Amino acid sequence: MSPQKASLGLEAFIDETIRLSAKHNYHPTTFVGMRGRYGTHAAISRLVVSGDIQSGFKRLCELGLREWTIESAVLKFSEEFSKEVQECAAFRLSQVKKR
């Protein structure tokens, strides 16, 4: 995966996601740690293409914050992500809509 720097818009979106999560008493420590190690773009890409549905994704959906998931960030800032990452994000989001 080639290193890519996230746009200021994407960084701000993710900062707001973390702030809103904390406001709802959810602290995405795994993602925050990955973001610190790999950068925002790489952390999002790694998590979204992994085969596992992340606990943070489930938790944000349960809190009614589906539009603030990293999967939503991928679609909102689609020009910053590969087609593969976009497809994985869209698939995960489509699974939530079906419930």
C-alpha atoms as a PDB file:
ATOM      1  CA  MET A   1       0.000   0.000   0.000  1.00  0.00           C
ATOM      2  CA  SER A   2       1.641   3.251  -1.069  1.00  0.00           C
ATOM      3  CA  PRO A   3       1.697   5.959   1.577  1.00  0.00           C
ATOM      4  CA  GLN A   4      -0.793   8.697   0.844  1.00  0.00           C
ATOM      5  CA  LYS A   5      -1.418  11.756   2.903  1.00  0.00           C
ATOM      6  CA  ALA A   6      -5.053  12.459   3.752  1.00  0.00           C
ATOM      7  CA  SER A   7      -6.569  15.777   2.731  1.00  0.00           C
ATOM      8  CA  LEU A   8      -7.323  18.392   5.358  1.00  0.00           C
ATOM      9  CA  GLY A   9     -11.017  17.679   4.798  1.00  0.00           C
ATOM     10  CA  LEU A  10     -10.597  13.981   5.518  1.00  0.00           C
ATOM     11  CA  GLU A  11      -8.466  14.712   8.591  1.00  0.00           C
ATOM     12  CA  ALA A  12     -11.132  17.118   9.901  1.00  0.00           C
ATOM     13  CA  PHE A  13     -13.895  14.569   9.226  1.00  0.00           C
ATOM     14  CA  ILE A  14     -12.021  11.902  11.190  1.00  0.00           C
ATOM     15  CA  ASP A  15     -11.267  14.330  14.041  1.00  0.00           C
ATOM     16  CA  GLU A  16     -15.005  15.050  14.246  1.00  0.00           C
ATOM     17  CA  THR A  17     -15.801  11.320  14.156  1.00  0.00           C
ATOM     18  CA  ILE A  18     -13.523  10.773  17.148  1.00  0.00           C
ATOM     19  CA  ARG A  19     -15.020  13.763  18.983  1.00  0.00           C
ATOM     20  CA  LEU A  20     -18.592  12.557  18.386  1.00  0.00           C
ATOM     21  CA  SER A  21     -17.660   9.021  19.408  1.00  0.00           C
ATOM     22  CA  ALA A  22     -16.223  10.273  22.695  1.00  0.00           C
ATOM     23  CA  LYS A  23     -19.352  12.366  23.278  1.00  0.00           C
ATOM     24  CA  HIS A  24     -21.299   9.078  23.084  1.00  0.00           C
ATOM     25  CA  ASN A  25     -18.838   7.434  25.490  1.00  0.00           C
ATOM     26  CA  TYR A  26     -17.135   5.372  22.780  1.00  0.00           C
ATOM     27  CA  HIS A  27     -13.389   5.733  22.362  1.00  0.00           C
ATOM     28  CA  PRO A  28     -11.971   4.156  19.164  1.00  0.00           C
ATOM     29  CA  THR A  29      -8.574   3.405  20.667  1.00  0.00           C
ATOM     30  CA  THR A  30      -7.547   0.821  18.065  1.00  0.00           C
ATOM     31  CA  PHE A  31      -8.221   3.222  15.201  1.00  0.00           C
ATOM     32  CA  VAL A  32      -6.570   6.148  16.997  1.00  0.00           C
ATOM     33  CA  GLY A  33      -3.467   4.007  17.572  1.00  0.00           C
ATOM     34  CA  MET A  34      -3.375   2.907  13.932  1.00  0.00           C
ATOM     35  CA  ARG A  35      -3.878   6.490  12.798  1.00  0.00           C
ATOM     36  CA  GLY A  36      -0.868   7.533  14.877  1.00  0.00           C
ATOM     37  CA  ARG A  37       1.281   4.696  13.491  1.00  0.00           C
ATOM     38  CA  TYR A  38       0.280   4.685   9.830  1.00  0.00           C
ATOM     39  CA  GLY A  39      -1.486   7.979   9.184  1.00  0.00           C
ATOM     40  CA  THR A  40      -5.183   8.576   8.609  1.00  0.00           C
ATOM     41  CA  HIS A  41      -5.384   7.367   5.024  1.00  0.00           C
ATOM     42  CA  ALA A  42      -3.453   4.136   5.569  1.00  0.00           C
ATOM     43  CA  ALA A  43      -5.292   3.322   8.811  1.00  0.00           C
ATOM     44  CA  ILE A  44      -8.666   3.719   7.116  1.00  0.00           C
ATOM     45  CA  SER A  45      -7.606   1.692   4.088  1.00  0.00           C
ATOM     46  CA  ARG A  46      -6.189  -1.146   6.207  1.00  0.00           C
ATOM     47  CA  LEU A  47      -9.291  -1.427   8.349  1.00  0.00           C
ATOM     48  CA  VAL A  48     -11.810  -1.154   5.525  1.00  0.00           C
ATOM     49  CA  VAL A  49     -10.214  -3.842   3.336  1.00  0.00           C
ATOM     50  CA  SER A  50      -9.659  -6.276   6.207  1.00  0.00           C
ATOM     51  CA  GLY A  51     -12.094  -9.177   6.124  1.00  0.00           C
ATOM     52  CA  ASP A  52     -13.455  -8.346   9.549  1.00  0.00           C
ATOM     53  CA  ILE A  53     -16.307  -5.992  10.286  1.00  0.00           C
ATOM     54  CA  GLN A  54     -14.654  -3.751  12.853  1.00  0.00           C
ATOM     55  CA  SER A  55     -16.164  -3.319  16.304  1.00  0.00           C
ATOM     56  CA  GLY A  56     -15.944   0.451  15.843  1.00  0.00           C
ATOM     57  CA  PHE A  57     -18.096   0.279  12.733  1.00  0.00           C
ATOM     58  CA  LYS A  58     -20.706  -1.765  14.590  1.00  0.00           C
ATOM     59  CA  ARG A  59     -20.602   0.539  17.605  1.00  0.00           C
ATOM     60  CA  LEU A  60     -20.998   3.740  15.591  1.00  0.00           C
ATOM     61  CA  CYS A  61     -23.939   2.218  13.716  1.00  0.00           C
ATOM     62  CA  GLU A  62     -25.529   1.207  17.031  1.00  0.00           C
ATOM     63  CA  LEU A  63     -25.088   4.797  18.253  1.00  0.00           C
ATOM     64  CA  GLY A  64     -26.826   6.148  15.143  1.00  0.00           C
ATOM     65  CA  LEU A  65     -23.567   7.561  13.806  1.00  0.00           C
ATOM     66  CA  ARG A  66     -23.397   5.508  10.594  1.00  0.00           C
ATOM     67  CA  GLU A  67     -22.605   8.636   8.579  1.00  0.00           C
ATOM     68  CA  TRP A  68     -19.487   9.172  10.744  1.00  0.00           C
ATOM     69  CA  THR A  69     -17.894   5.744  10.186  1.00  0.00           C
ATOM     70  CA  ILE A  70     -14.605   5.407   8.355  1.00  0.00           C
ATOM     71  CA  GLU A  71     -16.566   3.581   5.642  1.00  0.00           C
ATOM     72  CA  SER A  72     -18.683   6.701   5.169  1.00  0.00           C
ATOM     73  CA  ALA A  73     -15.495   8.773   5.090  1.00  0.00           C
ATOM     74  CA  VAL A  74     -14.205   6.605   2.232  1.00  0.00           C
ATOM     75  CA  LEU A  75     -17.317   7.319   0.159  1.00  0.00           C
ATOM     76  CA  LYS A  76     -17.423  11.014   1.094  1.00  0.00           C
ATOM     77  CA  PHE A  77     -13.745  11.426   0.138  1.00  0.00           C
ATOM     78  CA  SER A  78     -13.775   8.755  -2.573  1.00  0.00           C
ATOM     79  CA  GLU A  79     -11.174  10.485  -4.755  1.00  0.00           C
ATOM     80  CA  GLU A  80      -8.614   9.759  -2.018  1.00  0.00           C
ATOM     81  CA  PHE A  81      -9.165   5.991  -1.975  1.00  0.00           C
ATOM     82  CA  SER A  82      -8.643   3.118  -4.381  1.00  0.00           C
ATOM     83  CA  LYS A  83     -11.556   1.410  -6.086  1.00  0.00           C
ATOM     84  CA  GLU A  84     -10.997  -1.647  -3.855  1.00  0.00           C
ATOM     85  CA  VAL A  85     -11.290   0.406  -0.657  1.00  0.00           C
ATOM     86  CA  GLN A  86     -14.384   2.169  -2.005  1.00  0.00           C
ATOM     87  CA  GLU A  87     -16.036  -1.149  -2.886  1.00  0.00           C
ATOM     88  CA  CYS A  88     -15.309  -2.628   0.543  1.00  0.00           C
ATOM     89  CA  ALA A  89     -16.687   0.467   2.278  1.00  0.00           C
ATOM     90  CA  ALA A  90     -19.829   0.483   0.122  1.00  0.00           C
ATOM     91  CA  PHE A  91     -20.389  -3.219   0.815  1.00  0.00           C
ATOM     92  CA  ARG A  92     -20.129  -2.781   4.583  1.00  0.00           C
ATOM     93  CA  LEU A  93     -22.486   0.179   4.545  1.00  0.00           C
ATOM     94  CA  SER A  94     -24.979  -1.744   2.411  1.00  0.00           C
ATOM     95  CA  GLN A  95     -25.025  -4.509   5.027  1.00  0.00           C
ATOM     96  CA  VAL A  96     -26.109  -2.049   7.712  1.00  0.00           C
ATOM     97  CA  LYS A  97     -28.962  -0.731   5.577  1.00  0.00           C
ATOM     98  CA  LYS A  98     -30.354  -4.279   5.281  1.00  0.00           C
ATOM     99  CA  ARG A  99     -30.765  -4.695   9.036  1.00  0.00           C
END
